[in-house]
Amino acid sequence: MALAPIRNRRLYRQIADQISDLIAAGTYPPGSYLPAERDLSASLGVSRSSVREALIALEVIGVVEVRVGDGVQVRALPPEPAPSPSSASLMQQAMRLTKPGPDPELPVALDLDIEIPPFALLQARRVIEPESAALAARRATEADIAAIEAAFAADAAETRARSTTHPGDRMFHIRIAQASGNAAFEQFTIILLGHAYGGMFRRLQSLYTTTDMASRSQTQHAAILDAIRAGAEARAHDAMAAHLDMVIDVFMRD
């Protein structure tokens, strides 16, 4: 049994599942050591950071012990995954069990009902989304690009139909964040765009949207999509930044 290249997002879970399968098959029995991080990284075609996340995840569920300076020792055979209608992988099931709750040491709460002011929302997007686009250009799979293309097509149809909410536009940005392979970028974007059409944003949009904004947005979306398809990281970053700068400029006009 050999390691297969990893292609999709949620890399650490897939890596952990592959290593778990090797341990279960006896390739690395309890008491043995796994290959070094750099060797696993080269075999799988992924970054060392993704390998390290996978090893930490396996340690959390008791399969290995990470010994800094010594290596990663196999402690036990992986648990048999419970039968599941969704056919969830071992790591999907395990991480549900270890999912963190609110930190009792911090006097903060996650409020998903709060309305984020429009310009605060756009400023946050301006920081996050160009980086997401660059990563998407580097990491997107064929399936990721197909999902981005579908959202692009939906937005174009909504523009022709004179939509006032443009869910396809929002899905275009969310699909790019998902294609980045960075779960934090994905969740940040979903949270931000989930607030994008609150009352304040809708009113700002109704007052300041220009007649050519939808067509300009489509042209800029096309440039972002082309850069991601081409694997052009810097171009994808700059195209996304230019797009969001345009949106901010339109809403800031006199």
C-alpha atoms as a PDB file:
ATOM      1  CA  MET A   1       0.000   0.000   0.000  1.00  0.00           C
ATOM      2  CA  ALA A   2       1.508   3.332  -1.076  1.00  0.00           C
ATOM      3  CA  LEU A   3       0.786   6.991  -0.555  1.00  0.00           C
ATOM      4  CA  ALA A   4      -1.265   8.674  -3.301  1.00  0.00           C
ATOM      5  CA  PRO A   5      -0.919  12.346  -4.234  1.00  0.00           C
ATOM      6  CA  ILE A   6      -3.367  14.638  -2.445  1.00  0.00           C
ATOM      7  CA  ARG A   7      -5.368  16.926  -4.722  1.00  0.00           C
ATOM      8  CA  ASN A   8      -8.369  18.393  -2.931  1.00  0.00           C
ATOM      9  CA  ARG A   9      -8.941  20.795  -0.066  1.00  0.00           C
ATOM     10  CA  ARG A  10      -9.147  19.784   3.607  1.00  0.00           C
ATOM     11  CA  LEU A  11      -5.703  18.407   2.963  1.00  0.00           C
ATOM     12  CA  TYR A  12      -4.842  17.484   6.515  1.00  0.00           C
ATOM     13  CA  ARG A  13      -7.873  15.216   6.807  1.00  0.00           C
ATOM     14  CA  GLN A  14      -7.023  13.384   3.603  1.00  0.00           C
ATOM     15  CA  ILE A  15      -3.401  13.039   4.636  1.00  0.00           C
ATOM     16  CA  ALA A  16      -4.431  11.760   8.054  1.00  0.00           C
ATOM     17  CA  ASP A  17      -6.803   9.253   6.456  1.00  0.00           C
ATOM     18  CA  GLN A  18      -4.054   7.930   4.177  1.00  0.00           C
ATOM     19  CA  ILE A  19      -1.580   7.569   7.030  1.00  0.00           C
ATOM     20  CA  SER A  20      -4.288   5.939   9.131  1.00  0.00           C
ATOM     21  CA  ASP A  21      -4.956   3.434   6.349  1.00  0.00           C
ATOM     22  CA  LEU A  22      -1.245   2.582   6.151  1.00  0.00           C
ATOM     23  CA  ILE A  23      -1.131   2.012   9.897  1.00  0.00           C
ATOM     24  CA  ALA A  24      -4.257  -0.173   9.771  1.00  0.00           C
ATOM     25  CA  ALA A  25      -2.734  -2.196   6.899  1.00  0.00           C
ATOM     26  CA  GLY A  26       0.397  -2.937   8.973  1.00  0.00           C
ATOM     27  CA  THR A  27       2.790  -0.803   6.919  1.00  0.00           C
ATOM     28  CA  TYR A  28       3.551   1.127  10.116  1.00  0.00           C
ATOM     29  CA  PRO A  29       2.642  -1.067  13.111  1.00  0.00           C
ATOM     30  CA  PRO A  30       2.354   0.242  16.677  1.00  0.00           C
ATOM     31  CA  GLY A  31       5.807   1.059  18.037  1.00  0.00           C
ATOM     32  CA  SER A  32       7.242   1.956  14.638  1.00  0.00           C
ATOM     33  CA  TYR A  33       8.045   5.449  13.400  1.00  0.00           C
ATOM     34  CA  LEU A  34       6.466   7.209  10.454  1.00  0.00           C
ATOM     35  CA  PRO A  35       8.649   8.729   7.728  1.00  0.00           C
ATOM     36  CA  ALA A  36       9.935  12.230   8.386  1.00  0.00           C
ATOM     37  CA  GLU A  37       7.635  15.150   7.630  1.00  0.00           C
ATOM     38  CA  ARG A  38       9.699  16.214   4.631  1.00  0.00           C
ATOM     39  CA  ASP A  39       9.498  12.700   3.156  1.00  0.00           C
ATOM     40  CA  LEU A  40       5.743  12.492   3.676  1.00  0.00           C
ATOM     41  CA  SER A  41       5.415  15.943   2.133  1.00  0.00           C
ATOM     42  CA  ALA A  42       7.384  14.888  -0.952  1.00  0.00           C
ATOM     43  CA  SER A  43       5.482  11.596  -1.338  1.00  0.00           C
ATOM     44  CA  LEU A  44       2.085  13.253  -1.076  1.00  0.00           C
ATOM     45  CA  GLY A  45       2.908  16.385  -3.046  1.00  0.00           C
ATOM     46  CA  VAL A  46       1.721  18.695  -0.265  1.00  0.00           C
ATOM     47  CA  SER A  47       3.280  21.242   2.061  1.00  0.00           C
ATOM     48  CA  ARG A  48       4.967  20.278   5.315  1.00  0.00           C
ATOM     49  CA  SER A  49       2.456  22.431   7.175  1.00  0.00           C
ATOM     50  CA  SER A  50      -0.406  20.237   5.891  1.00  0.00           C
ATOM     51  CA  VAL A  51       1.500  17.095   6.902  1.00  0.00           C
ATOM     52  CA  ARG A  52       2.134  18.526  10.354  1.00  0.00           C
ATOM     53  CA  GLU A  53      -1.570  19.332  10.782  1.00  0.00           C
ATOM     54  CA  ALA A  54      -2.437  15.754   9.818  1.00  0.00           C
ATOM     55  CA  LEU A  55       0.030  14.302  12.323  1.00  0.00           C
ATOM     56  CA  ILE A  56      -1.297  16.523  15.099  1.00  0.00           C
ATOM     57  CA  ALA A  57      -4.847  15.441  14.216  1.00  0.00           C
ATOM     58  CA  LEU A  58      -3.807  11.786  14.450  1.00  0.00           C
ATOM     59  CA  GLU A  59      -2.176  12.459  17.806  1.00  0.00           C
ATOM     60  CA  VAL A  60      -5.366  14.082  19.096  1.00  0.00           C
ATOM     61  CA  ILE A  61      -7.280  10.841  18.485  1.00  0.00           C
ATOM     62  CA  GLY A  62      -4.502   8.734  20.020  1.00  0.00           C
ATOM     63  CA  VAL A  63      -3.083   7.015  16.934  1.00  0.00           C
ATOM     64  CA  VAL A  64       0.420   8.511  17.021  1.00  0.00           C
ATOM     65  CA  GLU A  65       2.699  10.425  19.365  1.00  0.00           C
ATOM     66  CA  VAL A  66       4.551  13.425  17.978  1.00  0.00           C
ATOM     67  CA  ARG A  67       8.001  13.648  19.583  1.00  0.00           C
ATOM     68  CA  VAL A  68       9.717  16.873  18.608  1.00  0.00           C
ATOM     69  CA  GLY A  69      13.330  16.114  17.683  1.00  0.00           C
ATOM     70  CA  ASP A  70      12.739  12.363  17.628  1.00  0.00           C
ATOM     71  CA  GLY A  71       9.929  11.625  15.157  1.00  0.00           C
ATOM     72  CA  VAL A  72       6.351  10.426  15.081  1.00  0.00           C
ATOM     73  CA  GLN A  73       5.740   7.057  16.708  1.00  0.00           C
ATOM     74  CA  VAL A  74       2.679   4.943  16.048  1.00  0.00           C
ATOM     75  CA  ARG A  75       0.873   4.331  19.337  1.00  0.00           C
ATOM     76  CA  ALA A  76      -2.176   2.291  18.343  1.00  0.00           C
ATOM     77  CA  LEU A  77      -4.201   0.997  15.447  1.00  0.00           C
ATOM     78  CA  PRO A  78      -6.782   3.498  14.210  1.00  0.00           C
ATOM     79  CA  PRO A  79     -10.278   2.990  15.609  1.00  0.00           C
ATOM     80  CA  GLU A  80     -12.801   1.385  13.294  1.00  0.00           C
ATOM     81  CA  PRO A  81     -15.043   4.137  11.896  1.00  0.00           C
ATOM     82  CA  ALA A  82     -18.646   3.806  13.031  1.00  0.00           C
ATOM     83  CA  PRO A  83     -21.162   3.000  10.269  1.00  0.00           C
ATOM     84  CA  SER A  84     -22.429   6.278   8.889  1.00  0.00           C
ATOM     85  CA  PRO A  85     -25.048   7.052   6.247  1.00  0.00           C
ATOM     86  CA  SER A  86     -22.805   9.834   4.986  1.00  0.00           C
ATOM     87  CA  SER A  87     -19.761   7.524   4.753  1.00  0.00           C
ATOM     88  CA  ALA A  88     -17.696  10.057   6.700  1.00  0.00           C
ATOM     89  CA  SER A  89     -13.995   9.324   6.860  1.00  0.00           C
ATOM     90  CA  LEU A  90     -12.255   8.411  10.086  1.00  0.00           C
ATOM     91  CA  MET A  91     -10.845  11.917  10.426  1.00  0.00           C
ATOM     92  CA  GLN A  92     -14.197  13.579   9.725  1.00  0.00           C
ATOM     93  CA  GLN A  93     -15.762  11.538  12.499  1.00  0.00           C
ATOM     94  CA  ALA A  94     -12.829  12.005  14.856  1.00  0.00           C
ATOM     95  CA  MET A  95     -12.665  15.769  14.397  1.00  0.00           C
ATOM     96  CA  ARG A  96     -16.355  16.059  15.211  1.00  0.00           C
ATOM     97  CA  LEU A  97     -15.525  14.513  18.575  1.00  0.00           C
ATOM     98  CA  THR A  98     -12.681  16.955  19.185  1.00  0.00           C
ATOM     99  CA  LYS A  99     -14.491  20.036  17.870  1.00  0.00           C
ATOM    100  CA  PRO A 100     -13.692  22.954  20.184  1.00  0.00           C
ATOM    101  CA  GLY A 101     -16.396  24.948  21.896  1.00  0.00           C
ATOM    102  CA  PRO A 102     -16.285  28.530  23.179  1.00  0.00           C
ATOM    103  CA  ASP A 103     -13.086  29.264  25.080  1.00  0.00           C
ATOM    104  CA  PRO A 104     -14.073  29.720  28.734  1.00  0.00           C
ATOM    105  CA  GLU A 105     -10.914  31.752  29.366  1.00  0.00           C
ATOM    106  CA  LEU A 106     -11.913  34.513  26.947  1.00  0.00           C
ATOM    107  CA  PRO A 107     -14.752  36.982  27.622  1.00  0.00           C
ATOM    108  CA  VAL A 108     -15.923  36.963  23.991  1.00  0.00           C
ATOM    109  CA  ALA A 109     -18.759  35.363  22.064  1.00  0.00           C
ATOM    110  CA  LEU A 110     -19.392  34.600  18.412  1.00  0.00           C
ATOM    111  CA  ASP A 111     -22.497  36.536  17.401  1.00  0.00           C
ATOM    112  CA  LEU A 112     -23.678  35.447  13.961  1.00  0.00           C
ATOM    113  CA  ASP A 113     -26.743  37.699  14.215  1.00  0.00           C
ATOM    114  CA  ILE A 114     -24.813  40.968  14.405  1.00  0.00           C
ATOM    115  CA  GLU A 115     -24.976  43.164  11.297  1.00  0.00           C
ATOM    116  CA  ILE A 116     -21.481  44.113  10.188  1.00  0.00           C
ATOM    117  CA  PRO A 117     -21.391  47.710   8.889  1.00  0.00           C
ATOM    118  CA  PRO A 118     -20.965  47.742   5.098  1.00  0.00           C
ATOM    119  CA  PHE A 119     -17.559  49.403   4.885  1.00  0.00           C
ATOM    120  CA  ALA A 120     -16.134  47.282   7.704  1.00  0.00           C
ATOM    121  CA  LEU A 121     -17.296  44.250   5.754  1.00  0.00           C
ATOM    122  CA  LEU A 122     -15.735  45.479   2.511  1.00  0.00           C
ATOM    123  CA  GLN A 123     -12.454  46.374   4.225  1.00  0.00           C
ATOM    124  CA  ALA A 124     -12.222  42.862   5.660  1.00  0.00           C
ATOM    125  CA  ARG A 125     -12.975  41.342   2.267  1.00  0.00           C
ATOM    126  CA  ARG A 126     -10.307  43.547   0.678  1.00  0.00           C
ATOM    127  CA  VAL A 127      -7.707  41.971   2.983  1.00  0.00           C
ATOM    128  CA  ILE A 128      -8.844  38.345   2.763  1.00  0.00           C
ATOM    129  CA  GLU A 129     -10.142  37.759  -0.738  1.00  0.00           C
ATOM    130  CA  PRO A 130      -7.083  38.708  -2.834  1.00  0.00           C
ATOM    131  CA  GLU A 131      -5.085  36.181  -0.791  1.00  0.00           C
ATOM    132  CA  SER A 132      -7.837  33.589  -1.310  1.00  0.00           C
ATOM    133  CA  ALA A 133      -7.770  34.191  -5.045  1.00  0.00           C
ATOM    134  CA  ALA A 134      -3.997  33.773  -5.187  1.00  0.00           C
ATOM    135  CA  LEU A 135      -4.200  30.485  -3.291  1.00  0.00           C
ATOM    136  CA  ALA A 136      -7.049  29.337  -5.522  1.00  0.00           C
ATOM    137  CA  ALA A 137      -4.850  29.967  -8.564  1.00  0.00           C
ATOM    138  CA  ARG A 138      -2.221  27.732  -6.985  1.00  0.00           C
ATOM    139  CA  ARG A 139      -4.445  24.987  -5.589  1.00  0.00           C
ATOM    140  CA  ALA A 140      -7.777  24.818  -7.425  1.00  0.00           C
ATOM    141  CA  THR A 141      -8.762  21.425  -8.776  1.00  0.00           C
ATOM    142  CA  GLU A 142     -10.828  20.881 -11.899  1.00  0.00           C
ATOM    143  CA  ALA A 143     -13.877  20.457  -9.664  1.00  0.00           C
ATOM    144  CA  ASP A 144     -13.113  23.733  -7.880  1.00  0.00           C
ATOM    145  CA  ILE A 145     -12.809  25.607 -11.169  1.00  0.00           C
ATOM    146  CA  ALA A 146     -16.057  24.056 -12.406  1.00  0.00           C
ATOM    147  CA  ALA A 147     -17.802  25.300  -9.257  1.00  0.00           C
ATOM    148  CA  ILE A 148     -16.393  28.813  -9.745  1.00  0.00           C
ATOM    149  CA  GLU A 149     -17.484  28.757 -13.394  1.00  0.00           C
ATOM    150  CA  ALA A 150     -21.002  27.679 -12.408  1.00  0.00           C
ATOM    151  CA  ALA A 151     -21.285  30.574  -9.957  1.00  0.00           C
ATOM    152  CA  PHE A 152     -19.944  32.961 -12.620  1.00  0.00           C
ATOM    153  CA  ALA A 153     -22.577  31.746 -15.079  1.00  0.00           C
ATOM    154  CA  ALA A 154     -25.330  32.078 -12.466  1.00  0.00           C
ATOM    155  CA  ASP A 155     -24.292  35.651 -11.744  1.00  0.00           C
ATOM    156  CA  ALA A 156     -24.286  36.494 -15.468  1.00  0.00           C
ATOM    157  CA  ALA A 157     -27.817  35.122 -15.769  1.00  0.00           C
ATOM    158  CA  GLU A 158     -28.920  37.137 -12.737  1.00  0.00           C
ATOM    159  CA  THR A 159     -27.420  40.282 -14.263  1.00  0.00           C
ATOM    160  CA  ARG A 160     -29.409  39.720 -17.457  1.00  0.00           C
ATOM    161  CA  ALA A 161     -32.521  39.200 -15.314  1.00  0.00           C
ATOM    162  CA  ARG A 162     -31.795  42.466 -13.421  1.00  0.00           C
ATOM    163  CA  SER A 163     -31.420  40.725 -10.053  1.00  0.00           C
ATOM    164  CA  THR A 164     -31.184  43.057  -7.066  1.00  0.00           C
ATOM    165  CA  THR A 165     -29.484  40.541  -4.758  1.00  0.00           C
ATOM    166  CA  HIS A 166     -27.094  38.574  -7.027  1.00  0.00           C
ATOM    167  CA  PRO A 167     -26.614  35.334  -5.046  1.00  0.00           C
ATOM    168  CA  GLY A 168     -24.426  34.091  -7.907  1.00  0.00           C
ATOM    169  CA  ASP A 169     -22.028  36.967  -7.249  1.00  0.00           C
ATOM    170  CA  ARG A 170     -21.673  35.962  -3.628  1.00  0.00           C
ATOM    171  CA  MET A 171     -21.277  32.285  -4.523  1.00  0.00           C
ATOM    172  CA  PHE A 172     -18.537  33.222  -6.999  1.00  0.00           C
ATOM    173  CA  HIS A 173     -16.522  34.715  -4.139  1.00  0.00           C
ATOM    174  CA  ILE A 174     -17.329  31.840  -1.773  1.00  0.00           C
ATOM    175  CA  ARG A 175     -16.290  29.231  -4.365  1.00  0.00           C
ATOM    176  CA  ILE A 176     -12.950  30.981  -4.779  1.00  0.00           C
ATOM    177  CA  ALA A 177     -12.401  30.930  -1.011  1.00  0.00           C
ATOM    178  CA  GLN A 178     -13.247  27.215  -0.987  1.00  0.00           C
ATOM    179  CA  ALA A 179     -10.816  26.610  -3.860  1.00  0.00           C
ATOM    180  CA  SER A 180      -8.059  28.301  -1.839  1.00  0.00           C
ATOM    181  CA  GLY A 181      -7.806  25.173   0.311  1.00  0.00           C
ATOM    182  CA  ASN A 182      -7.628  27.384   3.408  1.00  0.00           C
ATOM    183  CA  ALA A 183     -10.514  26.519   5.736  1.00  0.00           C
ATOM    184  CA  ALA A 184     -10.152  29.794   7.640  1.00  0.00           C
ATOM    185  CA  PHE A 185     -10.431  31.886   4.463  1.00  0.00           C
ATOM    186  CA  GLU A 186     -13.455  29.825   3.445  1.00  0.00           C
ATOM    187  CA  GLN A 187     -15.255  30.346   6.754  1.00  0.00           C
ATOM    188  CA  PHE A 188     -14.351  34.036   6.983  1.00  0.00           C
ATOM    189  CA  THR A 189     -15.747  34.604   3.492  1.00  0.00           C
ATOM    190  CA  ILE A 190     -18.939  32.686   4.220  1.00  0.00           C
ATOM    191  CA  ILE A 191     -19.476  34.688   7.408  1.00  0.00           C
ATOM    192  CA  LEU A 192     -18.754  38.012   5.716  1.00  0.00           C
ATOM    193  CA  LEU A 193     -20.913  37.350   2.668  1.00  0.00           C
ATOM    194  CA  GLY A 194     -23.662  35.929   4.829  1.00  0.00           C
ATOM    195  CA  HIS A 195     -23.903  39.445   6.273  1.00  0.00           C
ATOM    196  CA  ALA A 196     -23.468  41.233   2.950  1.00  0.00           C
ATOM    197  CA  TYR A 197     -27.162  41.723   2.303  1.00  0.00           C
ATOM    198  CA  GLY A 198     -28.242  42.968   5.708  1.00  0.00           C
ATOM    199  CA  GLY A 199     -30.428  46.054   5.864  1.00  0.00           C
ATOM    200  CA  MET A 200     -27.571  48.549   5.935  1.00  0.00           C
ATOM    201  CA  PHE A 201     -25.790  46.981   2.960  1.00  0.00           C
ATOM    202  CA  ARG A 202     -28.991  46.765   0.913  1.00  0.00           C
ATOM    203  CA  ARG A 203     -29.738  50.433   1.524  1.00  0.00           C
ATOM    204  CA  LEU A 204     -26.189  51.499   0.658  1.00  0.00           C
ATOM    205  CA  GLN A 205     -26.445  49.457  -2.513  1.00  0.00           C
ATOM    206  CA  SER A 206     -29.786  50.935  -3.523  1.00  0.00           C
ATOM    207  CA  LEU A 207     -28.515  54.487  -3.059  1.00  0.00           C
ATOM    208  CA  TYR A 208     -25.081  54.278  -4.659  1.00  0.00           C
ATOM    209  CA  THR A 209     -24.984  51.420  -7.183  1.00  0.00           C
ATOM    210  CA  THR A 210     -24.251  52.776 -10.660  1.00  0.00           C
ATOM    211  CA  THR A 211     -25.989  51.567 -13.800  1.00  0.00           C
ATOM    212  CA  ASP A 212     -22.788  50.012 -15.159  1.00  0.00           C
ATOM    213  CA  MET A 213     -21.680  48.357 -11.914  1.00  0.00           C
ATOM    214  CA  ALA A 214     -23.065  44.904 -12.761  1.00  0.00           C
ATOM    215  CA  SER A 215     -21.353  44.815 -16.158  1.00  0.00           C
ATOM    216  CA  ARG A 216     -18.073  46.097 -14.680  1.00  0.00           C
ATOM    217  CA  SER A 217     -18.298  43.442 -11.991  1.00  0.00           C
ATOM    218  CA  GLN A 218     -18.840  40.725 -14.628  1.00  0.00           C
ATOM    219  CA  THR A 219     -15.784  41.864 -16.560  1.00  0.00           C
ATOM    220  CA  GLN A 220     -13.669  41.861 -13.418  1.00  0.00           C
ATOM    221  CA  HIS A 221     -15.014  38.466 -12.348  1.00  0.00           C
ATOM    222  CA  ALA A 222     -14.005  37.118 -15.754  1.00  0.00           C
ATOM    223  CA  ALA A 223     -10.456  38.419 -15.232  1.00  0.00           C
ATOM    224  CA  ILE A 224     -10.283  36.759 -11.804  1.00  0.00           C
ATOM    225  CA  LEU A 225     -11.584  33.471 -13.208  1.00  0.00           C
ATOM    226  CA  ASP A 226      -9.139  33.550 -16.129  1.00  0.00           C
ATOM    227  CA  ALA A 227      -6.217  34.099 -13.739  1.00  0.00           C
ATOM    228  CA  ILE A 228      -7.293  31.201 -11.523  1.00  0.00           C
ATOM    229  CA  ARG A 229      -7.718  28.913 -14.539  1.00  0.00           C
ATOM    230  CA  ALA A 230      -4.214  29.881 -15.690  1.00  0.00           C
ATOM    231  CA  GLY A 231      -2.691  29.275 -12.257  1.00  0.00           C
ATOM    232  CA  ALA A 232      -1.481  32.896 -12.228  1.00  0.00           C
ATOM    233  CA  GLU A 233      -1.307  33.689  -8.519  1.00  0.00           C
ATOM    234  CA  ALA A 234      -0.164  37.321  -8.703  1.00  0.00           C
ATOM    235  CA  ARG A 235      -2.664  38.112 -11.448  1.00  0.00           C
ATOM    236  CA  ALA A 236      -5.527  36.504  -9.492  1.00  0.00           C
ATOM    237  CA  HIS A 237      -4.547  38.468  -6.376  1.00  0.00           C
ATOM    238  CA  ASP A 238      -4.389  41.773  -8.235  1.00  0.00           C
ATOM    239  CA  ALA A 239      -7.604  41.158 -10.175  1.00  0.00           C
ATOM    240  CA  MET A 240      -9.522  40.444  -6.974  1.00  0.00           C
ATOM    241  CA  ALA A 241      -8.015  43.499  -5.270  1.00  0.00           C
ATOM    242  CA  ALA A 242      -8.976  45.703  -8.238  1.00  0.00           C
ATOM    243  CA  HIS A 243     -12.521  44.324  -8.179  1.00  0.00           C
ATOM    244  CA  LEU A 244     -13.044  45.046  -4.488  1.00  0.00           C
ATOM    245  CA  ASP A 245     -11.431  48.473  -4.845  1.00  0.00           C
ATOM    246  CA  MET A 246     -14.012  49.215  -7.541  1.00  0.00           C
ATOM    247  CA  VAL A 247     -16.871  48.195  -5.257  1.00  0.00           C
ATOM    248  CA  ILE A 248     -15.549  50.356  -2.414  1.00  0.00           C
ATOM    249  CA  ASP A 249     -15.008  53.320  -4.770  1.00  0.00           C
ATOM    250  CA  VAL A 250     -18.573  53.060  -6.127  1.00  0.00           C
ATOM    251  CA  PHE A 251     -20.086  53.003  -2.664  1.00  0.00           C
ATOM    252  CA  MET A 252     -17.877  55.881  -1.536  1.00  0.00           C
ATOM    253  CA  ARG A 253     -18.733  58.172  -4.483  1.00  0.00           C
ATOM    254  CA  ASP A 254     -20.296  61.581  -3.857  1.00  0.00           C
END
